[in-house]
């Protein structure tokens, strides 16, 4: 089987067709996280299936300090988080909180 072109991927949530990266000013609803998006998305024109660029490239298993006990999306605890939110740092620094503040 030949490798997919660089801007195309086969996503584990959508094995039916390959998805192609598009950059458009058209709004869409991400079929992965169900949040609206605009700009780059992985898209299947046959089925009108869309994924945010990050949702299309995120790993199958996510972990975060937000829910350290299980992998995310956790059906056991009914804990659900957007893939980008797993990248948040545990502490933030700003001018008002010089020592950092836990989220």
N, C-alpha and C. Protein backbone atom coordinates (compact mmCIF):
# COMPACT_ATOMS: atom_id res chain seq x y z
N UNK A 1 0.84 -1.19 0.00
CA UNK A 1 0.00 0.00 0.00
C UNK A 1 0.89 1.25 0.00
N UNK A 2 0.62 2.18 -0.89
CA UNK A 2 1.41 3.40 -1.00
C UNK A 2 1.12 4.32 0.18
N UNK A 3 2.13 5.08 0.65
CA UNK A 3 1.88 6.02 1.76
C UNK A 3 0.94 7.12 1.31
N UNK A 4 0.19 7.66 2.29
CA UNK A 4 -0.74 8.76 2.00
C UNK A 4 0.04 10.03 1.74
N UNK A 5 -0.49 10.95 0.91
CA UNK A 5 0.17 12.24 0.71
C UNK A 5 0.34 12.97 2.04
N UNK A 6 1.27 13.89 2.10
CA UNK A 6 1.64 14.58 3.34
C UNK A 6 0.46 15.27 4.02
N UNK A 7 -0.47 15.83 3.27
CA UNK A 7 -1.60 16.55 3.87
C UNK A 7 -2.83 15.67 4.03
N UNK A 8 -2.64 14.35 4.02
CA UNK A 8 -3.74 13.40 4.14
C UNK A 8 -3.45 12.45 5.30
N UNK A 9 -4.50 12.04 6.01
CA UNK A 9 -4.31 11.07 7.09
C UNK A 9 -5.47 10.09 7.16
N UNK A 10 -5.20 8.95 7.75
CA UNK A 10 -6.21 7.95 8.04
C UNK A 10 -6.40 8.00 9.55
N UNK A 11 -7.55 8.46 10.03
CA UNK A 11 -7.76 8.67 11.46
C UNK A 11 -8.45 7.48 12.10
N UNK A 12 -8.04 7.14 13.32
CA UNK A 12 -8.59 5.97 14.02
C UNK A 12 -10.08 6.10 14.34
N UNK A 13 -10.61 7.32 14.41
CA UNK A 13 -12.04 7.49 14.67
C UNK A 13 -12.87 7.43 13.40
N UNK A 14 -12.20 7.44 12.26
CA UNK A 14 -12.90 7.50 10.98
C UNK A 14 -12.17 6.66 9.93
N UNK A 15 -12.23 5.33 10.05
CA UNK A 15 -11.48 4.47 9.14
C UNK A 15 -12.09 4.35 7.74
N UNK A 16 -13.29 4.90 7.55
CA UNK A 16 -14.02 4.77 6.29
C UNK A 16 -13.26 5.36 5.09
N UNK A 17 -12.74 6.58 5.24
CA UNK A 17 -12.02 7.27 4.16
C UNK A 17 -10.81 8.00 4.74
N UNK A 18 -9.88 8.37 3.88
CA UNK A 18 -8.78 9.21 4.34
C UNK A 18 -9.28 10.66 4.39
N UNK A 19 -8.64 11.45 5.25
CA UNK A 19 -9.02 12.85 5.44
C UNK A 19 -7.92 13.74 4.89
N UNK A 20 -8.30 14.83 4.25
CA UNK A 20 -7.36 15.76 3.65
C UNK A 20 -7.38 17.07 4.40
N UNK A 21 -6.21 17.65 4.66
CA UNK A 21 -6.10 18.92 5.36
C UNK A 21 -6.51 20.06 4.44
N UNK A 22 -7.49 20.84 4.90
CA UNK A 22 -7.96 22.01 4.16
C UNK A 22 -7.78 23.24 5.03
N UNK A 23 -7.56 24.39 4.42
CA UNK A 23 -7.49 25.66 5.14
C UNK A 23 -8.52 26.57 4.51
N UNK A 24 -9.57 26.86 5.26
CA UNK A 24 -10.69 27.62 4.72
C UNK A 24 -11.24 28.56 5.79
N UNK A 25 -11.92 29.60 5.37
CA UNK A 25 -12.58 30.50 6.32
C UNK A 25 -14.01 30.08 6.59
N UNK A 26 -14.35 28.85 6.22
CA UNK A 26 -15.69 28.33 6.44
C UNK A 26 -15.78 27.69 7.82
N UNK A 27 -16.85 27.99 8.55
CA UNK A 27 -17.06 27.37 9.86
C UNK A 27 -17.47 25.92 9.69
N UNK A 28 -17.09 25.09 10.64
CA UNK A 28 -17.45 23.68 10.62
C UNK A 28 -17.59 23.20 12.06
N UNK A 29 -18.25 22.08 12.24
CA UNK A 29 -18.35 21.44 13.55
C UNK A 29 -17.42 20.23 13.53
N UNK A 30 -16.49 20.17 14.47
CA UNK A 30 -15.55 19.06 14.54
C UNK A 30 -16.31 17.80 14.94
N UNK A 31 -16.22 16.76 14.12
CA UNK A 31 -16.91 15.51 14.41
C UNK A 31 -16.20 14.71 15.49
N UNK A 32 -15.03 15.17 15.94
CA UNK A 32 -14.33 14.51 17.03
C UNK A 32 -14.75 15.06 18.38
N UNK A 33 -14.54 16.37 18.59
CA UNK A 33 -14.83 16.98 19.89
C UNK A 33 -16.15 17.74 19.93
N UNK A 34 -16.81 17.88 18.77
CA UNK A 34 -18.12 18.54 18.66
C UNK A 34 -18.08 20.05 18.92
N UNK A 35 -16.89 20.66 18.82
CA UNK A 35 -16.75 22.11 19.00
C UNK A 35 -16.60 22.76 17.63
N UNK A 36 -17.18 23.95 17.48
CA UNK A 36 -17.08 24.67 16.21
C UNK A 36 -15.64 25.04 15.91
N UNK A 37 -15.32 25.11 14.65
CA UNK A 37 -13.99 25.48 14.22
C UNK A 37 -14.04 26.33 12.98
N UNK A 38 -12.93 26.97 12.69
CA UNK A 38 -12.76 27.73 11.46
C UNK A 38 -11.27 27.65 11.11
N UNK A 39 -10.96 27.63 9.85
CA UNK A 39 -9.56 27.52 9.44
C UNK A 39 -9.22 26.10 9.06
N UNK A 40 -8.03 25.64 9.47
CA UNK A 40 -7.56 24.31 9.07
C UNK A 40 -8.40 23.20 9.68
N UNK A 41 -8.70 22.20 8.86
CA UNK A 41 -9.40 21.01 9.33
C UNK A 41 -9.06 19.84 8.42
N UNK A 42 -9.15 18.65 8.98
CA UNK A 42 -9.07 17.44 8.16
C UNK A 42 -10.49 17.12 7.75
N UNK A 43 -10.70 16.91 6.44
CA UNK A 43 -12.05 16.85 5.88
C UNK A 43 -12.21 15.68 4.92
N UNK A 44 -13.38 15.06 4.97
CA UNK A 44 -13.77 14.05 3.98
C UNK A 44 -14.91 14.65 3.17
N UNK A 45 -14.68 15.03 1.91
CA UNK A 45 -15.73 15.65 1.11
C UNK A 45 -16.88 14.70 0.79
N UNK A 46 -16.61 13.39 0.75
CA UNK A 46 -17.67 12.42 0.46
C UNK A 46 -18.72 12.37 1.56
N UNK A 47 -18.27 12.46 2.80
CA UNK A 47 -19.16 12.27 3.96
C UNK A 47 -19.38 13.55 4.75
N UNK A 48 -18.75 14.65 4.38
CA UNK A 48 -18.81 15.90 5.12
C UNK A 48 -18.38 15.69 6.57
N UNK A 49 -17.28 14.97 6.77
CA UNK A 49 -16.70 14.68 8.08
C UNK A 49 -15.53 15.63 8.29
N UNK A 50 -15.47 16.29 9.45
CA UNK A 50 -14.41 17.26 9.73
C UNK A 50 -13.79 17.01 11.10
N UNK A 51 -12.49 17.25 11.20
CA UNK A 51 -11.77 17.24 12.47
C UNK A 51 -10.89 18.47 12.53
N UNK A 52 -10.85 19.15 13.71
CA UNK A 52 -9.85 20.20 13.89
C UNK A 52 -8.49 19.62 13.53
N UNK A 53 -7.57 20.46 13.15
CA UNK A 53 -6.24 19.98 12.82
C UNK A 53 -5.64 19.22 14.01
N UNK A 54 -5.78 19.76 15.22
CA UNK A 54 -5.21 19.07 16.39
C UNK A 54 -5.97 17.78 16.71
N UNK A 55 -7.29 17.79 16.59
CA UNK A 55 -8.06 16.57 16.86
C UNK A 55 -7.67 15.47 15.87
N UNK A 56 -7.31 15.84 14.67
CA UNK A 56 -6.90 14.87 13.66
C UNK A 56 -5.53 14.28 13.92
N UNK A 57 -4.67 15.02 14.61
CA UNK A 57 -3.30 14.56 14.82
C UNK A 57 -3.00 14.16 16.26
N UNK A 58 -3.97 14.29 17.16
CA UNK A 58 -3.71 13.92 18.55
C UNK A 58 -3.60 12.40 18.68
N UNK A 59 -2.88 11.92 19.70
CA UNK A 59 -2.72 10.48 19.88
C UNK A 59 -4.02 9.81 20.31
N UNK A 60 -4.08 8.49 20.16
CA UNK A 60 -5.27 7.73 20.56
C UNK A 60 -5.50 7.78 22.06
N UNK A 61 -4.43 7.83 22.84
CA UNK A 61 -4.54 7.84 24.30
C UNK A 61 -3.93 9.12 24.83
N UNK A 62 -4.68 9.83 25.68
CA UNK A 62 -4.23 11.09 26.25
C UNK A 62 -4.14 10.95 27.77
N UNK A 63 -3.23 11.69 28.37
CA UNK A 63 -3.17 11.75 29.82
C UNK A 63 -2.89 13.18 30.23
N UNK A 64 -3.24 13.51 31.48
CA UNK A 64 -3.06 14.87 31.96
C UNK A 64 -3.13 14.88 33.48
N UNK A 65 -2.52 15.91 34.09
CA UNK A 65 -2.64 16.08 35.53
C UNK A 65 -4.09 16.40 35.93
N UNK A 66 -4.90 16.84 34.97
CA UNK A 66 -6.31 17.14 35.26
C UNK A 66 -7.09 15.91 35.70
N UNK A 67 -6.64 14.73 35.25
CA UNK A 67 -7.31 13.47 35.58
C UNK A 67 -6.24 12.38 35.58
N UNK A 68 -5.41 12.33 36.64
CA UNK A 68 -4.24 11.46 36.62
C UNK A 68 -4.52 9.96 36.79
N UNK A 69 -5.74 9.60 37.12
CA UNK A 69 -6.03 8.21 37.47
C UNK A 69 -6.26 7.30 36.27
N UNK A 70 -6.76 7.85 35.18
CA UNK A 70 -7.06 7.05 34.01
C UNK A 70 -6.68 7.84 32.76
N UNK A 71 -6.68 7.16 31.62
CA UNK A 71 -6.49 7.85 30.34
C UNK A 71 -7.73 8.66 30.04
N UNK A 72 -7.60 9.63 29.15
CA UNK A 72 -8.73 10.50 28.78
C UNK A 72 -9.29 10.00 27.46
N UNK A 73 -10.39 10.11 27.05
CA UNK A 73 -11.72 10.37 27.59
C UNK A 73 -12.13 9.19 28.45
N UNK A 74 -12.35 9.39 29.74
CA UNK A 74 -12.54 8.31 30.71
C UNK A 74 -14.02 7.97 30.86
N UNK A 75 -14.41 6.82 30.33
CA UNK A 75 -15.80 6.37 30.45
C UNK A 75 -16.12 5.93 31.87
N UNK A 76 -15.12 5.43 32.61
CA UNK A 76 -15.34 4.97 33.98
C UNK A 76 -15.81 6.13 34.86
N UNK A 77 -15.14 7.28 34.75
CA UNK A 77 -15.44 8.45 35.59
C UNK A 77 -16.34 9.47 34.90
N UNK A 78 -16.67 9.24 33.64
CA UNK A 78 -17.41 10.20 32.83
C UNK A 78 -16.67 11.53 32.75
N UNK A 79 -15.34 11.46 32.66
CA UNK A 79 -14.50 12.64 32.52
C UNK A 79 -14.16 12.80 31.05
N UNK A 80 -14.45 13.96 30.49
CA UNK A 80 -14.24 14.22 29.08
C UNK A 80 -13.52 15.55 28.93
N UNK A 81 -12.49 15.60 28.11
CA UNK A 81 -11.71 16.82 27.95
C UNK A 81 -11.28 16.96 26.49
N UNK A 82 -11.22 18.19 26.02
CA UNK A 82 -10.75 18.46 24.67
C UNK A 82 -9.26 18.13 24.60
N UNK A 83 -8.79 17.52 23.51
CA UNK A 83 -7.37 17.16 23.40
C UNK A 83 -6.42 18.33 23.66
N UNK A 84 -6.75 19.53 23.22
CA UNK A 84 -5.85 20.67 23.47
C UNK A 84 -5.75 21.00 24.95
N UNK A 85 -6.81 20.77 25.71
CA UNK A 85 -6.79 21.07 27.15
C UNK A 85 -5.85 20.15 27.91
N UNK A 86 -5.51 19.00 27.35
CA UNK A 86 -4.55 18.11 28.01
C UNK A 86 -3.14 18.70 27.96
N UNK A 87 -2.94 19.70 27.13
CA UNK A 87 -1.63 20.33 26.99
C UNK A 87 -1.44 21.51 27.93
N UNK A 88 -2.46 21.86 28.73
CA UNK A 88 -2.35 22.98 29.66
C UNK A 88 -1.29 22.69 30.70
N UNK A 89 -0.53 23.73 31.11
CA UNK A 89 0.46 23.52 32.17
C UNK A 89 -0.24 23.43 33.53
N UNK A 90 0.41 22.78 34.49
CA UNK A 90 -0.17 22.65 35.82
C UNK A 90 -0.12 23.97 36.59
N UNK A 91 0.88 24.79 36.33
CA UNK A 91 0.98 26.10 36.98
C UNK A 91 1.11 27.19 35.93
N UNK A 92 0.60 28.36 36.27
CA UNK A 92 0.69 29.53 35.41
C UNK A 92 1.35 30.66 36.19
N UNK A 93 2.10 31.48 35.51
CA UNK A 93 2.71 32.65 36.14
C UNK A 93 2.16 33.90 35.46
N UNK A 94 1.85 34.89 36.29
CA UNK A 94 1.46 36.19 35.75
C UNK A 94 1.89 37.28 36.72
N UNK A 95 1.68 38.51 36.37
CA UNK A 95 2.14 39.64 37.18
C UNK A 95 1.45 39.67 38.55
N UNK A 96 0.22 39.20 38.65
CA UNK A 96 -0.52 39.24 39.92
C UNK A 96 -0.15 38.10 40.85
N UNK A 97 0.33 37.00 40.32
CA UNK A 97 0.67 35.84 41.13
C UNK A 97 2.11 35.43 40.81
N UNK A 98 3.05 36.12 41.46
CA UNK A 98 4.47 35.94 41.14
C UNK A 98 4.97 34.51 41.33
N UNK A 99 4.44 33.79 42.30
CA UNK A 99 4.93 32.45 42.58
C UNK A 99 4.29 31.38 41.71
N UNK A 100 3.35 31.74 40.89
CA UNK A 100 2.63 30.75 40.10
C UNK A 100 1.38 30.32 40.85
N UNK A 101 0.38 29.91 40.15
CA UNK A 101 -0.88 29.51 40.74
C UNK A 101 -1.34 28.23 40.08
N UNK A 102 -1.69 27.23 40.90
CA UNK A 102 -2.19 25.97 40.34
C UNK A 102 -3.57 26.19 39.76
N UNK A 103 -3.82 25.51 38.68
CA UNK A 103 -5.13 25.58 38.03
C UNK A 103 -6.14 24.83 38.86
